[in-house]
Amino acid sequence: MKDHSTPDMLIFDVDGVLLDVRGSFPEVIRACITKGWEKFCGGAADGNQYTDEHERILKQHGAFNDDYDLAWAMLSMSAATGAKKLSEAFPSPGKLVEEIKTFHGTVREWVVSRYGDIVPRGETRELCNELYTGTESHRGLHLLETPMLAANWKDIPLPVGIYSGRDTHEWTMGKESLGWRDFPDDMTILSDSGITKPSPRGLEILCERAGAKAPCFFGDTASDLFAYNAFGKGLFAAIGGLLPDAEYVFPDTNAAVKAMLALAGK
């Protein structure tokens, strides 16, 4: 049964909710896997292997909220096969489903225990960051991100918070893309705070700071929904098609915000 609480705060995830990142983070993962296979694994990268179906499987799992560690996990899973060609080493979507059934603990713990510490995690994450941010020789993929919400945060007639898997550096670029440069730091919970989804702690802190009791959390992946379920208050608005069984599902963020503000009488 739907929670019919009256929302008194709006809390947003960023990727896939406030920003359309289809041209950035999935492409970072694809490029990192291709480049990393040759750079870190000494193999032959014979084409892009990471598909939209791989992305869907991982984002519906709940643990793979950090895209840089996702790329590292996929490289490690492939390297453990011993194959040289990426096309032969990379798991099919069906194989990936079977592999993540063995998941336990954190992504880092699971990868090392199942596949070994055979791909350098730090260097893989550094490569992802270069692809996303850009270097002197190539433009960063973050420049391809576009806003998914027409309103500025100041125009929303309820307190607004951000609970995202981005770190401060990535959120700074995200604020530029959104035009939210002056969004307050104290209403933002990011990964380099040490608080990450699916923990509900980010929602708890934001509600404490805003004096809210029934927030609406806008998310698009399983880790967002798990964080909301663990929090146990307010409402959850699912954006897009990854969470079809959520109680409130919207095709886009503008429609979701309009509906939740209507529930709040705003």
C-alpha atoms as a PDB file:
ATOM      1  CA  MET A   1       0.000   0.000   0.000  1.00  0.00           C
ATOM      2  CA  LYS A   2       1.306   3.453  -0.896  1.00  0.00           C
ATOM      3  CA  ASP A   3       2.570   5.762   1.816  1.00  0.00           C
ATOM      4  CA  HIS A   4       0.171   8.733   1.748  1.00  0.00           C
ATOM      5  CA  SER A   5       2.407  10.954   3.867  1.00  0.00           C
ATOM      6  CA  THR A   6       2.448  14.623   2.953  1.00  0.00           C
ATOM      7  CA  PRO A   7       5.988  15.366   1.723  1.00  0.00           C
ATOM      8  CA  ASP A   8       7.760  18.066   3.720  1.00  0.00           C
ATOM      9  CA  MET A   9      11.121  17.843   1.932  1.00  0.00           C
ATOM     10  CA  LEU A  10      12.467  16.712  -1.459  1.00  0.00           C
ATOM     11  CA  ILE A  11      15.742  14.726  -1.542  1.00  0.00           C
ATOM     12  CA  PHE A  12      17.345  13.960  -4.880  1.00  0.00           C
ATOM     13  CA  ASP A  13      19.842  11.477  -6.180  1.00  0.00           C
ATOM     14  CA  VAL A  14      21.856  13.103  -8.992  1.00  0.00           C
ATOM     15  CA  ASP A  15      22.706  10.656 -11.767  1.00  0.00           C
ATOM     16  CA  GLY A  16      19.628   9.632 -13.723  1.00  0.00           C
ATOM     17  CA  VAL A  17      17.447  11.947 -11.613  1.00  0.00           C
ATOM     18  CA  LEU A  18      18.778  15.503 -11.780  1.00  0.00           C
ATOM     19  CA  LEU A  19      21.238  14.864 -14.598  1.00  0.00           C
ATOM     20  CA  ASP A  20      20.933  12.746 -17.726  1.00  0.00           C
ATOM     21  CA  VAL A  21      24.227  10.845 -17.556  1.00  0.00           C
ATOM     22  CA  ARG A  22      23.680   8.386 -20.400  1.00  0.00           C
ATOM     23  CA  GLY A  23      26.498  10.041 -22.336  1.00  0.00           C
ATOM     24  CA  SER A  24      28.914  10.160 -19.397  1.00  0.00           C
ATOM     25  CA  PHE A  25      29.156   7.433 -16.744  1.00  0.00           C
ATOM     26  CA  PRO A  26      28.114   4.411 -18.873  1.00  0.00           C
ATOM     27  CA  GLU A  27      30.606   5.613 -21.482  1.00  0.00           C
ATOM     28  CA  VAL A  28      33.260   6.015 -18.785  1.00  0.00           C
ATOM     29  CA  ILE A  29      32.691   2.369 -17.817  1.00  0.00           C
ATOM     30  CA  ARG A  30      32.867   1.175 -21.435  1.00  0.00           C
ATOM     31  CA  ALA A  31      36.023   3.161 -22.194  1.00  0.00           C
ATOM     32  CA  CYS A  32      37.697   2.137 -18.931  1.00  0.00           C
ATOM     33  CA  ILE A  33      37.020  -1.542 -19.599  1.00  0.00           C
ATOM     34  CA  THR A  34      38.403  -1.269 -23.135  1.00  0.00           C
ATOM     35  CA  LYS A  35      41.472   0.785 -22.227  1.00  0.00           C
ATOM     36  CA  GLY A  36      42.018  -0.982 -18.910  1.00  0.00           C
ATOM     37  CA  TRP A  37      41.935  -4.419 -20.514  1.00  0.00           C
ATOM     38  CA  GLU A  38      45.031  -3.507 -22.512  1.00  0.00           C
ATOM     39  CA  LYS A  39      46.694  -1.288 -19.904  1.00  0.00           C
ATOM     40  CA  PHE A  40      46.154  -3.380 -16.763  1.00  0.00           C
ATOM     41  CA  CYS A  41      45.439  -6.876 -18.059  1.00  0.00           C
ATOM     42  CA  GLY A  42      47.754  -7.098 -21.076  1.00  0.00           C
ATOM     43  CA  GLY A  43      44.939  -8.327 -23.286  1.00  0.00           C
ATOM     44  CA  ALA A  44      43.485  -7.432 -26.660  1.00  0.00           C
ATOM     45  CA  ALA A  45      40.449  -5.166 -26.474  1.00  0.00           C
ATOM     46  CA  ASP A  46      38.540  -6.292 -29.543  1.00  0.00           C
ATOM     47  CA  GLY A  47      35.508  -4.000 -29.292  1.00  0.00           C
ATOM     48  CA  ASN A  48      33.159  -2.647 -26.629  1.00  0.00           C
ATOM     49  CA  GLN A  49      31.579  -5.431 -24.575  1.00  0.00           C
ATOM     50  CA  TYR A  50      29.703  -3.552 -21.840  1.00  0.00           C
ATOM     51  CA  THR A  51      26.073  -3.265 -22.958  1.00  0.00           C
ATOM     52  CA  ASP A  52      22.925  -1.587 -21.722  1.00  0.00           C
ATOM     53  CA  GLU A  53      21.802  -4.984 -20.424  1.00  0.00           C
ATOM     54  CA  HIS A  54      24.932  -5.301 -18.265  1.00  0.00           C
ATOM     55  CA  GLU A  55      24.180  -1.803 -16.925  1.00  0.00           C
ATOM     56  CA  ARG A  56      20.574  -2.692 -16.135  1.00  0.00           C
ATOM     57  CA  ILE A  57      21.546  -5.888 -14.283  1.00  0.00           C
ATOM     58  CA  LEU A  58      24.114  -4.125 -12.119  1.00  0.00           C
ATOM     59  CA  LYS A  59      21.987  -1.071 -11.341  1.00  0.00           C
ATOM     60  CA  GLN A  60      19.066  -3.259 -10.272  1.00  0.00           C
ATOM     61  CA  HIS A  61      21.304  -5.164  -7.858  1.00  0.00           C
ATOM     62  CA  GLY A  62      21.837  -2.372  -5.346  1.00  0.00           C
ATOM     63  CA  ALA A  63      25.529  -2.705  -4.477  1.00  0.00           C
ATOM     64  CA  PHE A  64      27.006  -1.243  -7.669  1.00  0.00           C
ATOM     65  CA  ASN A  65      26.340   2.434  -7.026  1.00  0.00           C
ATOM     66  CA  ASP A  66      29.978   3.457  -7.591  1.00  0.00           C
ATOM     67  CA  ASP A  67      30.579   3.323 -11.351  1.00  0.00           C
ATOM     68  CA  TYR A  68      34.361   3.393 -10.991  1.00  0.00           C
ATOM     69  CA  ASP A  69      34.306   0.278  -8.810  1.00  0.00           C
ATOM     70  CA  LEU A  70      31.793  -1.230 -11.225  1.00  0.00           C
ATOM     71  CA  ALA A  71      34.341  -0.896 -14.042  1.00  0.00           C
ATOM     72  CA  TRP A  72      37.015  -2.422 -11.800  1.00  0.00           C
ATOM     73  CA  ALA A  73      34.720  -5.332 -10.902  1.00  0.00           C
ATOM     74  CA  MET A  74      33.979  -6.085 -14.553  1.00  0.00           C
ATOM     75  CA  LEU A  75      37.678  -5.953 -15.448  1.00  0.00           C
ATOM     76  CA  SER A  76      38.520  -8.250 -12.529  1.00  0.00           C
ATOM     77  CA  MET A  77      35.773 -10.707 -13.452  1.00  0.00           C
ATOM     78  CA  SER A  78      37.074 -10.801 -17.027  1.00  0.00           C
ATOM     79  CA  ALA A  79      40.751 -11.053 -16.098  1.00  0.00           C
ATOM     80  CA  ALA A  80      40.059 -14.043 -13.849  1.00  0.00           C
ATOM     81  CA  THR A  81      39.105 -16.100 -16.917  1.00  0.00           C
ATOM     82  CA  GLY A  82      42.688 -16.036 -18.209  1.00  0.00           C
ATOM     83  CA  ALA A  83      41.527 -15.222 -21.753  1.00  0.00           C
ATOM     84  CA  LYS A  84      43.443 -12.650 -23.767  1.00  0.00           C
ATOM     85  CA  LYS A  85      40.665 -11.356 -26.000  1.00  0.00           C
ATOM     86  CA  LEU A  86      38.179  -9.156 -24.173  1.00  0.00           C
ATOM     87  CA  SER A  87      35.351 -10.602 -26.276  1.00  0.00           C
ATOM     88  CA  GLU A  88      36.155 -14.064 -24.896  1.00  0.00           C
ATOM     89  CA  ALA A  89      36.778 -12.967 -21.306  1.00  0.00           C
ATOM     90  CA  PHE A  90      33.886 -10.574 -20.769  1.00  0.00           C
ATOM     91  CA  PRO A  91      30.801 -12.159 -19.162  1.00  0.00           C
ATOM     92  CA  SER A  92      27.536 -12.327 -21.060  1.00  0.00           C
ATOM     93  CA  PRO A  93      24.531 -10.763 -19.310  1.00  0.00           C
ATOM     94  CA  GLY A  94      23.413 -14.262 -18.310  1.00  0.00           C
ATOM     95  CA  LYS A  95      26.831 -15.086 -16.869  1.00  0.00           C
ATOM     96  CA  LEU A  96      26.851 -11.769 -15.004  1.00  0.00           C
ATOM     97  CA  VAL A  97      23.522 -12.611 -13.368  1.00  0.00           C
ATOM     98  CA  GLU A  98      24.968 -15.905 -12.139  1.00  0.00           C
ATOM     99  CA  GLU A  99      28.161 -14.269 -10.884  1.00  0.00           C
ATOM    100  CA  ILE A 100      26.461 -11.601  -8.799  1.00  0.00           C
ATOM    101  CA  LYS A 101      24.374 -14.263  -7.081  1.00  0.00           C
ATOM    102  CA  THR A 102      27.613 -14.974  -5.180  1.00  0.00           C
ATOM    103  CA  PHE A 103      27.884 -11.347  -4.016  1.00  0.00           C
ATOM    104  CA  HIS A 104      28.589 -10.689  -0.341  1.00  0.00           C
ATOM    105  CA  GLY A 105      29.926  -7.802   1.704  1.00  0.00           C
ATOM    106  CA  THR A 106      31.140  -4.768  -0.238  1.00  0.00           C
ATOM    107  CA  VAL A 107      32.078  -4.658  -3.906  1.00  0.00           C
ATOM    108  CA  ARG A 108      35.751  -4.504  -2.969  1.00  0.00           C
ATOM    109  CA  GLU A 109      35.520  -7.477  -0.592  1.00  0.00           C
ATOM    110  CA  TRP A 110      33.568  -9.575  -3.067  1.00  0.00           C
ATOM    111  CA  VAL A 111      35.859  -8.873  -6.019  1.00  0.00           C
ATOM    112  CA  VAL A 112      39.048  -9.695  -4.123  1.00  0.00           C
ATOM    113  CA  SER A 113      37.631 -12.843  -2.524  1.00  0.00           C
ATOM    114  CA  ARG A 114      36.122 -14.207  -5.740  1.00  0.00           C
ATOM    115  CA  TYR A 115      38.528 -13.054  -8.475  1.00  0.00           C
ATOM    116  CA  GLY A 116      41.662 -12.051  -6.610  1.00  0.00           C
ATOM    117  CA  ASP A 117      43.443  -8.721  -6.407  1.00  0.00           C
ATOM    118  CA  ILE A 118      44.570  -8.936 -10.037  1.00  0.00           C
ATOM    119  CA  VAL A 119      43.504  -5.564 -11.457  1.00  0.00           C
ATOM    120  CA  PRO A 120      44.841  -2.401  -9.759  1.00  0.00           C
ATOM    121  CA  ARG A 121      41.792  -0.736  -8.236  1.00  0.00           C
ATOM    122  CA  GLY A 122      43.403   2.651  -7.608  1.00  0.00           C
ATOM    123  CA  GLU A 123      44.713   2.943 -11.163  1.00  0.00           C
ATOM    124  CA  THR A 124      41.392   1.808 -12.587  1.00  0.00           C
ATOM    125  CA  ARG A 125      39.568   4.484 -10.628  1.00  0.00           C
ATOM    126  CA  GLU A 126      42.130   7.066 -11.721  1.00  0.00           C
ATOM    127  CA  LEU A 127      41.543   6.126 -15.371  1.00  0.00           C
ATOM    128  CA  CYS A 128      37.780   6.487 -14.876  1.00  0.00           C
ATOM    129  CA  ASN A 129      38.265   9.906 -13.320  1.00  0.00           C
ATOM    130  CA  GLU A 130      40.410  11.046 -16.251  1.00  0.00           C
ATOM    131  CA  LEU A 131      37.759   9.899 -18.712  1.00  0.00           C
ATOM    132  CA  TYR A 132      35.024  11.672 -16.789  1.00  0.00           C
ATOM    133  CA  THR A 133      36.861  14.879 -15.891  1.00  0.00           C
ATOM    134  CA  GLY A 134      39.016  15.248 -18.996  1.00  0.00           C
ATOM    135  CA  THR A 135      42.692  15.953 -19.541  1.00  0.00           C
ATOM    136  CA  GLU A 136      44.722  18.327 -21.688  1.00  0.00           C
ATOM    137  CA  SER A 137      44.385  15.892 -24.584  1.00  0.00           C
ATOM    138  CA  HIS A 138      40.659  15.068 -24.437  1.00  0.00           C
ATOM    139  CA  ARG A 139      37.392  16.572 -23.272  1.00  0.00           C
ATOM    140  CA  GLY A 140      35.769  15.065 -20.215  1.00  0.00           C
ATOM    141  CA  LEU A 141      32.604  13.050 -20.674  1.00  0.00           C
ATOM    142  CA  HIS A 142      30.915  15.081 -17.923  1.00  0.00           C
ATOM    143  CA  LEU A 143      30.396  17.783 -20.557  1.00  0.00           C
ATOM    144  CA  LEU A 144      27.744  15.567 -22.167  1.00  0.00           C
ATOM    145  CA  GLU A 145      25.478  15.664 -19.103  1.00  0.00           C
ATOM    146  CA  THR A 146      22.211  17.607 -19.316  1.00  0.00           C
ATOM    147  CA  PRO A 147      19.635  18.647 -16.668  1.00  0.00           C
ATOM    148  CA  MET A 148      16.553  16.486 -16.104  1.00  0.00           C
ATOM    149  CA  LEU A 149      14.720  19.004 -13.901  1.00  0.00           C
ATOM    150  CA  ALA A 150      13.576  22.325 -15.324  1.00  0.00           C
ATOM    151  CA  ALA A 151      13.307  24.092 -11.950  1.00  0.00           C
ATOM    152  CA  ASN A 152      16.127  25.628  -9.941  1.00  0.00           C
ATOM    153  CA  TRP A 153      16.333  24.366  -6.374  1.00  0.00           C
ATOM    154  CA  LYS A 154      15.457  27.856  -5.104  1.00  0.00           C
ATOM    155  CA  ASP A 155      12.136  27.695  -6.957  1.00  0.00           C
ATOM    156  CA  ILE A 156      11.003  24.526  -5.154  1.00  0.00           C
ATOM    157  CA  PRO A 157       8.653  25.451  -2.269  1.00  0.00           C
ATOM    158  CA  LEU A 158      10.020  22.776   0.086  1.00  0.00           C
ATOM    159  CA  PRO A 159      13.479  22.155   1.573  1.00  0.00           C
ATOM    160  CA  VAL A 160      15.769  20.374  -0.902  1.00  0.00           C
ATOM    161  CA  GLY A 161      18.584  17.911  -0.191  1.00  0.00           C
ATOM    162  CA  ILE A 162      21.036  15.849  -2.243  1.00  0.00           C
ATOM    163  CA  TYR A 163      22.040  12.266  -1.414  1.00  0.00           C
ATOM    164  CA  SER A 164      24.388  11.056  -4.133  1.00  0.00           C
ATOM    165  CA  GLY A 165      27.134   8.545  -4.807  1.00  0.00           C
ATOM    166  CA  ARG A 166      29.148  11.347  -6.398  1.00  0.00           C
ATOM    167  CA  ASP A 167      32.158  12.764  -4.592  1.00  0.00           C
ATOM    168  CA  THR A 168      32.730  16.485  -4.085  1.00  0.00           C
ATOM    169  CA  HIS A 169      34.732  16.862  -7.295  1.00  0.00           C
ATOM    170  CA  GLU A 170      32.016  15.202  -9.394  1.00  0.00           C
ATOM    171  CA  TRP A 171      29.220  17.139  -7.668  1.00  0.00           C
ATOM    172  CA  THR A 172      31.037  20.419  -8.366  1.00  0.00           C
ATOM    173  CA  MET A 173      30.879  19.607 -12.080  1.00  0.00           C
ATOM    174  CA  GLY A 174      27.294  18.446 -11.696  1.00  0.00           C
ATOM    175  CA  LYS A 175      26.295  21.773 -10.124  1.00  0.00           C
ATOM    176  CA  GLU A 176      27.731  23.550 -13.143  1.00  0.00           C
ATOM    177  CA  SER A 177      25.675  21.411 -15.518  1.00  0.00           C
ATOM    178  CA  LEU A 178      22.532  21.983 -13.454  1.00  0.00           C
ATOM    179  CA  GLY A 179      23.075  25.677 -12.824  1.00  0.00           C
ATOM    180  CA  TRP A 180      22.917  24.931  -9.081  1.00  0.00           C
ATOM    181  CA  ARG A 181      26.314  26.452  -8.257  1.00  0.00           C
ATOM    182  CA  ASP A 182      25.074  27.971  -4.997  1.00  0.00           C
ATOM    183  CA  PHE A 183      23.388  24.847  -3.641  1.00  0.00           C
ATOM    184  CA  PRO A 184      24.249  24.665   0.095  1.00  0.00           C
ATOM    185  CA  ASP A 185      26.937  22.205   1.138  1.00  0.00           C
ATOM    186  CA  ASP A 186      25.167  21.365   4.390  1.00  0.00           C
ATOM    187  CA  MET A 187      22.211  19.929   2.464  1.00  0.00           C
ATOM    188  CA  THR A 188      24.430  17.604   0.443  1.00  0.00           C
ATOM    189  CA  ILE A 189      25.571  14.086   1.375  1.00  0.00           C
ATOM    190  CA  LEU A 190      28.278  12.748  -0.960  1.00  0.00           C
ATOM    191  CA  SER A 191      30.390   9.600  -1.070  1.00  0.00           C
ATOM    192  CA  ASP A 192      33.551  11.229   0.279  1.00  0.00           C
ATOM    193  CA  SER A 193      31.654  11.928   3.508  1.00  0.00           C
ATOM    194  CA  GLY A 194      31.940   8.193   4.176  1.00  0.00           C
ATOM    195  CA  ILE A 195      28.159   7.786   3.895  1.00  0.00           C
ATOM    196  CA  THR A 196      27.047   5.848   0.844  1.00  0.00           C
ATOM    197  CA  LYS A 197      23.866   4.218  -0.380  1.00  0.00           C
ATOM    198  CA  PRO A 198      22.192   1.875   0.385  1.00  0.00           C
ATOM    199  CA  SER A 199      22.753   3.250   3.899  1.00  0.00           C
ATOM    200  CA  PRO A 200      19.777   5.329   5.087  1.00  0.00           C
ATOM    201  CA  ARG A 201      22.089   7.572   7.096  1.00  0.00           C
ATOM    202  CA  GLY A 202      22.261  10.241   4.379  1.00  0.00           C
ATOM    203  CA  LEU A 203      18.478  10.594   4.426  1.00  0.00           C
ATOM    204  CA  GLU A 204      18.461  10.740   8.219  1.00  0.00           C
ATOM    205  CA  ILE A 205      21.055  13.517   8.348  1.00  0.00           C
ATOM    206  CA  LEU A 206      19.335  15.632   5.695  1.00  0.00           C
ATOM    207  CA  CYS A 207      15.992  15.334   7.469  1.00  0.00           C
ATOM    208  CA  GLU A 208      17.586  16.297  10.783  1.00  0.00           C
ATOM    209  CA  ARG A 209      19.137  19.381   9.216  1.00  0.00           C
ATOM    210  CA  ALA A 210      15.902  20.441   7.510  1.00  0.00           C
ATOM    211  CA  GLY A 211      13.604  19.506  10.389  1.00  0.00           C
ATOM    212  CA  ALA A 212      11.699  17.192   8.044  1.00  0.00           C
ATOM    213  CA  LYS A 213       9.742  14.080   8.993  1.00  0.00           C
ATOM    214  CA  ALA A 214       8.340  12.809   5.665  1.00  0.00           C
ATOM    215  CA  PRO A 215      10.731  13.435   2.780  1.00  0.00           C
ATOM    216  CA  CYS A 216      10.206  12.306  -0.781  1.00  0.00           C
ATOM    217  CA  PHE A 217      13.385  10.683  -2.087  1.00  0.00           C
ATOM    218  CA  PHE A 218      13.791  10.722  -5.875  1.00  0.00           C
ATOM    219  CA  GLY A 219      15.981   7.868  -7.166  1.00  0.00           C
ATOM    220  CA  ASP A 220      16.464   5.619 -10.159  1.00  0.00           C
ATOM    221  CA  THR A 221      18.413   2.551  -9.023  1.00  0.00           C
ATOM    222  CA  ALA A 222      18.087  -0.240  -6.486  1.00  0.00           C
ATOM    223  CA  SER A 223      20.582   1.356  -4.102  1.00  0.00           C
ATOM    224  CA  ASP A 224      18.314   4.401  -3.857  1.00  0.00           C
ATOM    225  CA  LEU A 225      15.256   2.268  -3.143  1.00  0.00           C
ATOM    226  CA  PHE A 226      17.123   0.176  -0.566  1.00  0.00           C
ATOM    227  CA  ALA A 227      18.240   3.345   1.236  1.00  0.00           C
ATOM    228  CA  TYR A 228      14.646   4.603   1.331  1.00  0.00           C
ATOM    229  CA  ASN A 229      13.285   1.252   2.554  1.00  0.00           C
ATOM    230  CA  ALA A 230      15.872   1.174   5.342  1.00  0.00           C
ATOM    231  CA  PHE A 231      14.941   4.755   6.302  1.00  0.00           C
ATOM    232  CA  GLY A 232      11.291   3.781   6.474  1.00  0.00           C
ATOM    233  CA  LYS A 233       9.677   7.219   6.278  1.00  0.00           C
ATOM    234  CA  GLY A 234       8.130   9.434   3.644  1.00  0.00           C
ATOM    235  CA  LEU A 235       7.809   8.446   0.009  1.00  0.00           C
ATOM    236  CA  PHE A 236      10.003   7.200  -2.815  1.00  0.00           C
ATOM    237  CA  ALA A 237       9.632   8.444  -6.397  1.00  0.00           C
ATOM    238  CA  ALA A 238      11.272   6.126  -8.940  1.00  0.00           C
ATOM    239  CA  ILE A 239      12.496   7.848 -12.098  1.00  0.00           C
ATOM    240  CA  GLY A 240      12.757   5.879 -15.347  1.00  0.00           C
ATOM    241  CA  GLY A 241      12.387   2.174 -15.959  1.00  0.00           C
ATOM    242  CA  LEU A 242      14.818   0.382 -13.640  1.00  0.00           C
ATOM    243  CA  LEU A 243      12.399   0.104 -10.710  1.00  0.00           C
ATOM    244  CA  PRO A 244       9.042  -0.847 -12.253  1.00  0.00           C
ATOM    245  CA  ASP A 245       7.751  -2.357  -9.007  1.00  0.00           C
ATOM    246  CA  ALA A 246       8.212   0.805  -6.918  1.00  0.00           C
ATOM    247  CA  GLU A 247       4.922   2.269  -5.704  1.00  0.00           C
ATOM    248  CA  TYR A 248       5.441   5.644  -7.367  1.00  0.00           C
ATOM    249  CA  VAL A 249       7.046   5.443 -10.816  1.00  0.00           C
ATOM    250  CA  PHE A 250       7.467   8.421 -13.141  1.00  0.00           C
ATOM    251  CA  PRO A 251       8.823   8.703 -16.682  1.00  0.00           C
ATOM    252  CA  ASP A 252      10.795  11.836 -15.846  1.00  0.00           C
ATOM    253  CA  THR A 253      11.821  14.034 -12.943  1.00  0.00           C
ATOM    254  CA  ASN A 254       9.654  17.000 -13.864  1.00  0.00           C
ATOM    255  CA  ALA A 255       6.512  14.867 -13.665  1.00  0.00           C
ATOM    256  CA  ALA A 256       7.647  13.348 -10.371  1.00  0.00           C
ATOM    257  CA  VAL A 257       8.344  16.697  -8.710  1.00  0.00           C
ATOM    258  CA  LYS A 258       5.025  18.113  -9.924  1.00  0.00           C
ATOM    259  CA  ALA A 259       3.136  15.123  -8.470  1.00  0.00           C
ATOM    260  CA  MET A 260       4.937  15.220  -5.106  1.00  0.00           C
ATOM    261  CA  LEU A 261       4.454  18.972  -4.721  1.00  0.00           C
ATOM    262  CA  ALA A 262       0.755  18.450  -5.470  1.00  0.00           C
ATOM    263  CA  LEU A 263       0.610  15.878  -2.649  1.00  0.00           C
ATOM    264  CA  ALA A 264       2.195  18.508  -0.403  1.00  0.00           C
ATOM    265  CA  GLY A 265      -0.393  21.085  -1.476  1.00  0.00           C
ATOM    266  CA  LYS A 266       2.266  23.250  -3.142  1.00  0.00           C
END
